[in-house]
Amino acid sequence: MLRKSVLIFIVLVAVAAICILFVGRVRLDRQVVKSCFADVRGPKSGAVVRLAGVDVGRVRSVHAEPQNKNCPAEVEMDIATSYELSIPKDALTDVETAGVLGERFVSIDVSQSSGATIENYGYLKSKPAKRQLSFEEDLRAARALVELEAAERASEKASTAKTPAMSQNSKP
């Protein structure tokens, strides 16, 4: 019984040592960044944060602060990568949708950025909010396109019916 307990203890110590070595090698570069939005448009805590199309973190929290006119909605992001990531202070954030009906995520755009690196708990500016059509407005627009297409087809049929049919060459 004692031998079995000692063997189990040795195996557990070995597994723990291997885990410590493995975890010690994976160094995560962590940083918390915030951004203010006039309209967040949907991402929740846990949503993906992308930079240049690469997942670099998660949304930590989303807070509504209507009394703060400069920052009515604040998004706090936890950026964590296995490599050093330098995000410029003048990078812009935006909320985007993955696909047509996909999840919302926060995108960090550094294409026009050239400033110094943002500090931990620093604020990034957001892009101006784009006006989003409501579902009802989308349906109205689709209905108008269908009606326009039907009207064009009806017009084509009417003009074809009015044009005299070409007579075939008849033999005498």
C-alpha atoms as a PDB file:
ATOM      1  CA  MET A   1       0.000   0.000   0.000  1.00  0.00           C
ATOM      2  CA  LEU A   2       2.841   2.369   0.919  1.00  0.00           C
ATOM      3  CA  ARG A   3       4.638   1.592  -2.347  1.00  0.00           C
ATOM      4  CA  LYS A   4       1.504   2.413  -4.326  1.00  0.00           C
ATOM      5  CA  SER A   5       1.049   5.745  -2.526  1.00  0.00           C
ATOM      6  CA  VAL A   6       4.693   6.715  -3.102  1.00  0.00           C
ATOM      7  CA  LEU A   7       4.391   5.816  -6.805  1.00  0.00           C
ATOM      8  CA  ILE A   8       1.216   7.915  -7.172  1.00  0.00           C
ATOM      9  CA  PHE A   9       2.914  10.830  -5.395  1.00  0.00           C
ATOM     10  CA  ILE A  10       5.955  10.645  -7.714  1.00  0.00           C
ATOM     11  CA  VAL A  11       3.733  10.558 -10.813  1.00  0.00           C
ATOM     12  CA  LEU A  12       1.728  13.561  -9.576  1.00  0.00           C
ATOM     13  CA  VAL A  13       4.907  15.542  -8.868  1.00  0.00           C
ATOM     14  CA  ALA A  14       6.243  14.698 -12.356  1.00  0.00           C
ATOM     15  CA  VAL A  15       2.994  15.758 -14.039  1.00  0.00           C
ATOM     16  CA  ALA A  16       2.946  18.989 -12.018  1.00  0.00           C
ATOM     17  CA  ALA A  17       6.558  19.745 -13.005  1.00  0.00           C
ATOM     18  CA  ILE A  18       5.791  19.191 -16.692  1.00  0.00           C
ATOM     19  CA  CYS A  19       2.724  21.427 -16.468  1.00  0.00           C
ATOM     20  CA  ILE A  20       4.724  24.193 -14.793  1.00  0.00           C
ATOM     21  CA  LEU A  21       7.386  23.993 -17.501  1.00  0.00           C
ATOM     22  CA  PHE A  22       4.777  24.102 -20.276  1.00  0.00           C
ATOM     23  CA  VAL A  23       2.793  26.971 -18.745  1.00  0.00           C
ATOM     24  CA  GLY A  24       6.005  28.843 -17.995  1.00  0.00           C
ATOM     25  CA  ARG A  25       6.930  28.808 -21.677  1.00  0.00           C
ATOM     26  CA  VAL A  26       3.602  30.196 -22.864  1.00  0.00           C
ATOM     27  CA  ARG A  27       3.970  33.838 -21.929  1.00  0.00           C
ATOM     28  CA  LEU A  28       0.915  35.894 -22.639  1.00  0.00           C
ATOM     29  CA  ASP A  29       1.311  39.559 -23.406  1.00  0.00           C
ATOM     30  CA  ARG A  30      -1.728  41.027 -21.597  1.00  0.00           C
ATOM     31  CA  GLN A  31      -3.154  44.495 -21.826  1.00  0.00           C
ATOM     32  CA  VAL A  32      -6.500  46.108 -21.036  1.00  0.00           C
ATOM     33  CA  VAL A  33      -7.716  48.726 -23.517  1.00  0.00           C
ATOM     34  CA  LYS A  34     -10.919  50.770 -23.430  1.00  0.00           C
ATOM     35  CA  SER A  35     -12.952  52.502 -26.108  1.00  0.00           C
ATOM     36  CA  CYS A  36     -15.948  54.848 -26.082  1.00  0.00           C
ATOM     37  CA  PHE A  37     -18.851  54.479 -28.498  1.00  0.00           C
ATOM     38  CA  ALA A  38     -21.915  56.582 -29.208  1.00  0.00           C
ATOM     39  CA  ASP A  39     -23.687  53.311 -30.109  1.00  0.00           C
ATOM     40  CA  VAL A  40     -22.109  49.953 -29.307  1.00  0.00           C
ATOM     41  CA  ARG A  41     -24.565  47.997 -31.507  1.00  0.00           C
ATOM     42  CA  GLY A  42     -24.487  44.677 -29.756  1.00  0.00           C
ATOM     43  CA  PRO A  43     -21.234  43.047 -28.619  1.00  0.00           C
ATOM     44  CA  LYS A  44     -21.433  41.577 -25.150  1.00  0.00           C
ATOM     45  CA  SER A  45     -18.895  40.542 -22.584  1.00  0.00           C
ATOM     46  CA  GLY A  46     -16.836  37.720 -24.086  1.00  0.00           C
ATOM     47  CA  ALA A  47     -17.144  38.916 -27.700  1.00  0.00           C
ATOM     48  CA  VAL A  48     -14.042  38.632 -29.881  1.00  0.00           C
ATOM     49  CA  VAL A  49     -11.608  41.535 -30.405  1.00  0.00           C
ATOM     50  CA  ARG A  50      -9.821  41.487 -33.773  1.00  0.00           C
ATOM     51  CA  LEU A  51      -6.866  43.425 -35.099  1.00  0.00           C
ATOM     52  CA  ALA A  52      -6.186  43.098 -38.833  1.00  0.00           C
ATOM     53  CA  GLY A  53      -8.522  40.085 -38.925  1.00  0.00           C
ATOM     54  CA  VAL A  54      -6.643  38.243 -36.162  1.00  0.00           C
ATOM     55  CA  ASP A  55      -8.334  37.386 -32.868  1.00  0.00           C
ATOM     56  CA  VAL A  56      -6.253  39.176 -30.227  1.00  0.00           C
ATOM     57  CA  GLY A  57      -8.587  39.282 -27.244  1.00  0.00           C
ATOM     58  CA  ARG A  58     -12.056  39.397 -25.762  1.00  0.00           C
ATOM     59  CA  VAL A  59     -14.463  42.075 -24.603  1.00  0.00           C
ATOM     60  CA  ARG A  60     -14.173  42.204 -20.829  1.00  0.00           C
ATOM     61  CA  SER A  61     -17.208  44.403 -20.190  1.00  0.00           C
ATOM     62  CA  VAL A  62     -19.665  46.816 -21.801  1.00  0.00           C
ATOM     63  CA  HIS A  63     -21.045  49.700 -19.730  1.00  0.00           C
ATOM     64  CA  ALA A  64     -23.717  52.250 -20.581  1.00  0.00           C
ATOM     65  CA  GLU A  65     -23.045  55.685 -19.110  1.00  0.00           C
ATOM     66  CA  PRO A  66     -25.811  57.964 -20.466  1.00  0.00           C
ATOM     67  CA  GLN A  67     -24.821  60.842 -18.174  1.00  0.00           C
ATOM     68  CA  ASN A  68     -21.372  60.957 -19.802  1.00  0.00           C
ATOM     69  CA  LYS A  69     -21.973  62.681 -23.153  1.00  0.00           C
ATOM     70  CA  ASN A  70     -18.355  62.093 -24.251  1.00  0.00           C
ATOM     71  CA  CYS A  71     -18.576  58.351 -23.581  1.00  0.00           C
ATOM     72  CA  PRO A  72     -22.162  57.064 -23.497  1.00  0.00           C
ATOM     73  CA  ALA A  73     -21.022  53.440 -23.955  1.00  0.00           C
ATOM     74  CA  GLU A  74     -17.654  52.141 -22.772  1.00  0.00           C
ATOM     75  CA  VAL A  75     -16.171  48.850 -23.936  1.00  0.00           C
ATOM     76  CA  GLU A  76     -13.299  47.339 -21.950  1.00  0.00           C
ATOM     77  CA  MET A  77     -11.184  44.831 -23.890  1.00  0.00           C
ATOM     78  CA  ASP A  78      -8.704  42.275 -22.620  1.00  0.00           C
ATOM     79  CA  ILE A  79      -5.929  41.903 -25.211  1.00  0.00           C
ATOM     80  CA  ALA A  80      -3.880  38.723 -24.706  1.00  0.00           C
ATOM     81  CA  THR A  81      -1.424  37.284 -27.226  1.00  0.00           C
ATOM     82  CA  SER A  82       1.495  34.884 -27.031  1.00  0.00           C
ATOM     83  CA  TYR A  83       3.666  37.579 -28.630  1.00  0.00           C
ATOM     84  CA  GLU A  84       4.306  41.243 -27.951  1.00  0.00           C
ATOM     85  CA  LEU A  85       1.605  43.392 -29.515  1.00  0.00           C
ATOM     86  CA  SER A  86       2.014  47.160 -29.825  1.00  0.00           C
ATOM     87  CA  ILE A  87      -1.283  48.922 -30.522  1.00  0.00           C
ATOM     88  CA  PRO A  88      -0.865  52.575 -31.563  1.00  0.00           C
ATOM     89  CA  LYS A  89      -2.701  55.224 -29.526  1.00  0.00           C
ATOM     90  CA  ASP A  90      -4.367  56.585 -32.649  1.00  0.00           C
ATOM     91  CA  ALA A  91      -5.861  53.236 -33.744  1.00  0.00           C
ATOM     92  CA  LEU A  92      -9.619  53.258 -34.258  1.00  0.00           C
ATOM     93  CA  THR A  93     -12.168  50.760 -32.955  1.00  0.00           C
ATOM     94  CA  ASP A  94     -15.421  49.735 -34.597  1.00  0.00           C
ATOM     95  CA  VAL A  95     -18.140  47.155 -34.071  1.00  0.00           C
ATOM     96  CA  GLU A  96     -18.560  44.755 -36.970  1.00  0.00           C
ATOM     97  CA  THR A  97     -20.603  41.660 -37.746  1.00  0.00           C
ATOM     98  CA  ALA A  98     -19.112  38.323 -38.755  1.00  0.00           C
ATOM     99  CA  GLY A  99     -20.968  37.571 -41.988  1.00  0.00           C
ATOM    100  CA  VAL A 100     -24.560  38.583 -42.571  1.00  0.00           C
ATOM    101  CA  LEU A 101     -26.152  37.239 -39.404  1.00  0.00           C
ATOM    102  CA  GLY A 102     -23.001  36.443 -37.410  1.00  0.00           C
ATOM    103  CA  GLU A 103     -21.877  37.564 -34.005  1.00  0.00           C
ATOM    104  CA  ARG A 104     -20.763  41.114 -33.332  1.00  0.00           C
ATOM    105  CA  PHE A 105     -17.104  41.738 -32.565  1.00  0.00           C
ATOM    106  CA  VAL A 106     -14.848  44.701 -31.885  1.00  0.00           C
ATOM    107  CA  SER A 107     -12.366  45.490 -34.636  1.00  0.00           C
ATOM    108  CA  ILE A 108      -9.212  47.537 -34.071  1.00  0.00           C
ATOM    109  CA  ASP A 109      -8.096  49.353 -37.225  1.00  0.00           C
ATOM    110  CA  VAL A 110      -4.406  50.283 -37.324  1.00  0.00           C
ATOM    111  CA  SER A 111      -4.197  50.942 -41.089  1.00  0.00           C
ATOM    112  CA  GLN A 112      -4.036  54.750 -40.658  1.00  0.00           C
ATOM    113  CA  SER A 113      -2.174  54.683 -37.306  1.00  0.00           C
ATOM    114  CA  SER A 114       1.366  55.785 -36.672  1.00  0.00           C
ATOM    115  CA  GLY A 115       1.390  57.009 -33.074  1.00  0.00           C
ATOM    116  CA  ALA A 116       3.075  55.746 -29.931  1.00  0.00           C
ATOM    117  CA  THR A 117       1.934  52.533 -28.257  1.00  0.00           C
ATOM    118  CA  ILE A 118      -1.146  52.787 -26.049  1.00  0.00           C
ATOM    119  CA  GLU A 119      -0.596  52.283 -22.341  1.00  0.00           C
ATOM    120  CA  ASN A 120      -2.456  49.722 -20.208  1.00  0.00           C
ATOM    121  CA  TYR A 121      -6.047  50.899 -19.474  1.00  0.00           C
ATOM    122  CA  GLY A 122      -5.701  53.543 -22.198  1.00  0.00           C
ATOM    123  CA  TYR A 123      -8.544  54.693 -24.450  1.00  0.00           C
ATOM    124  CA  LEU A 124      -8.802  54.166 -28.189  1.00  0.00           C
ATOM    125  CA  LYS A 125     -11.070  56.371 -30.299  1.00  0.00           C
ATOM    126  CA  SER A 126     -13.977  54.746 -32.091  1.00  0.00           C
ATOM    127  CA  LYS A 127     -15.027  55.271 -35.686  1.00  0.00           C
ATOM    128  CA  PRO A 128     -18.160  57.376 -36.126  1.00  0.00           C
ATOM    129  CA  ALA A 129     -21.253  55.184 -35.933  1.00  0.00           C
ATOM    130  CA  LYS A 130     -22.794  54.228 -39.257  1.00  0.00           C
ATOM    131  CA  ARG A 131     -26.559  54.412 -39.475  1.00  0.00           C
ATOM    132  CA  GLN A 132     -27.911  50.869 -39.492  1.00  0.00           C
ATOM    133  CA  LEU A 133     -31.157  50.099 -41.269  1.00  0.00           C
ATOM    134  CA  SER A 134     -33.824  48.468 -39.162  1.00  0.00           C
ATOM    135  CA  PHE A 135     -35.316  45.149 -40.204  1.00  0.00           C
ATOM    136  CA  GLU A 136     -38.484  46.923 -41.297  1.00  0.00           C
ATOM    137  CA  GLU A 137     -36.496  49.338 -43.484  1.00  0.00           C
ATOM    138  CA  ASP A 138     -34.662  46.384 -45.051  1.00  0.00           C
ATOM    139  CA  LEU A 139     -38.008  44.727 -45.838  1.00  0.00           C
ATOM    140  CA  ARG A 140     -39.402  47.931 -47.364  1.00  0.00           C
ATOM    141  CA  ALA A 141     -36.325  48.285 -49.571  1.00  0.00           C
ATOM    142  CA  ALA A 142     -36.570  44.646 -50.695  1.00  0.00           C
ATOM    143  CA  ARG A 143     -40.296  45.045 -51.438  1.00  0.00           C
ATOM    144  CA  ALA A 144     -39.588  48.191 -53.507  1.00  0.00           C
ATOM    145  CA  LEU A 145     -36.953  46.311 -55.544  1.00  0.00           C
ATOM    146  CA  VAL A 146     -39.347  43.424 -56.203  1.00  0.00           C
ATOM    147  CA  GLU A 147     -42.107  45.831 -57.282  1.00  0.00           C
ATOM    148  CA  LEU A 148     -39.697  47.692 -59.568  1.00  0.00           C
ATOM    149  CA  GLU A 149     -38.597  44.423 -61.175  1.00  0.00           C
ATOM    150  CA  ALA A 150     -42.257  43.375 -61.675  1.00  0.00           C
ATOM    151  CA  ALA A 151     -43.079  46.752 -63.243  1.00  0.00           C
ATOM    152  CA  GLU A 152     -40.122  46.433 -65.645  1.00  0.00           C
ATOM    153  CA  ARG A 153     -41.227  42.941 -66.690  1.00  0.00           C
ATOM    154  CA  ALA A 154     -44.812  44.127 -67.227  1.00  0.00           C
ATOM    155  CA  SER A 155     -43.508  47.030 -69.329  1.00  0.00           C
ATOM    156  CA  GLU A 156     -41.432  44.628 -71.441  1.00  0.00           C
ATOM    157  CA  LYS A 157     -44.426  42.367 -72.035  1.00  0.00           C
ATOM    158  CA  ALA A 158     -46.605  45.321 -73.018  1.00  0.00           C
ATOM    159  CA  SER A 159     -44.045  46.635 -75.508  1.00  0.00           C
ATOM    160  CA  THR A 160     -43.551  43.155 -76.986  1.00  0.00           C
ATOM    161  CA  ALA A 161     -47.298  42.693 -77.440  1.00  0.00           C
ATOM    162  CA  LYS A 162     -47.662  46.047 -79.273  1.00  0.00           C
ATOM    163  CA  THR A 163     -44.844  45.331 -81.724  1.00  0.00           C
ATOM    164  CA  PRO A 164     -46.281  43.691 -84.856  1.00  0.00           C
ATOM    165  CA  ALA A 165     -45.126  40.177 -85.372  1.00  0.00           C
ATOM    166  CA  MET A 166     -42.672  39.753 -88.143  1.00  0.00           C
ATOM    167  CA  SER A 167     -44.396  38.035 -91.027  1.00  0.00           C
ATOM    168  CA  GLN A 168     -42.771  34.966 -92.299  1.00  0.00           C
ATOM    169  CA  ASN A 169     -41.840  34.741 -95.936  1.00  0.00           C
ATOM    170  CA  SER A 170     -44.813  33.156 -97.572  1.00  0.00           C
ATOM    171  CA  LYS A 171     -44.603  31.206-100.751  1.00  0.00           C
ATOM    172  CA  PRO A 172     -46.948  32.226-103.579  1.00  0.00           C
END
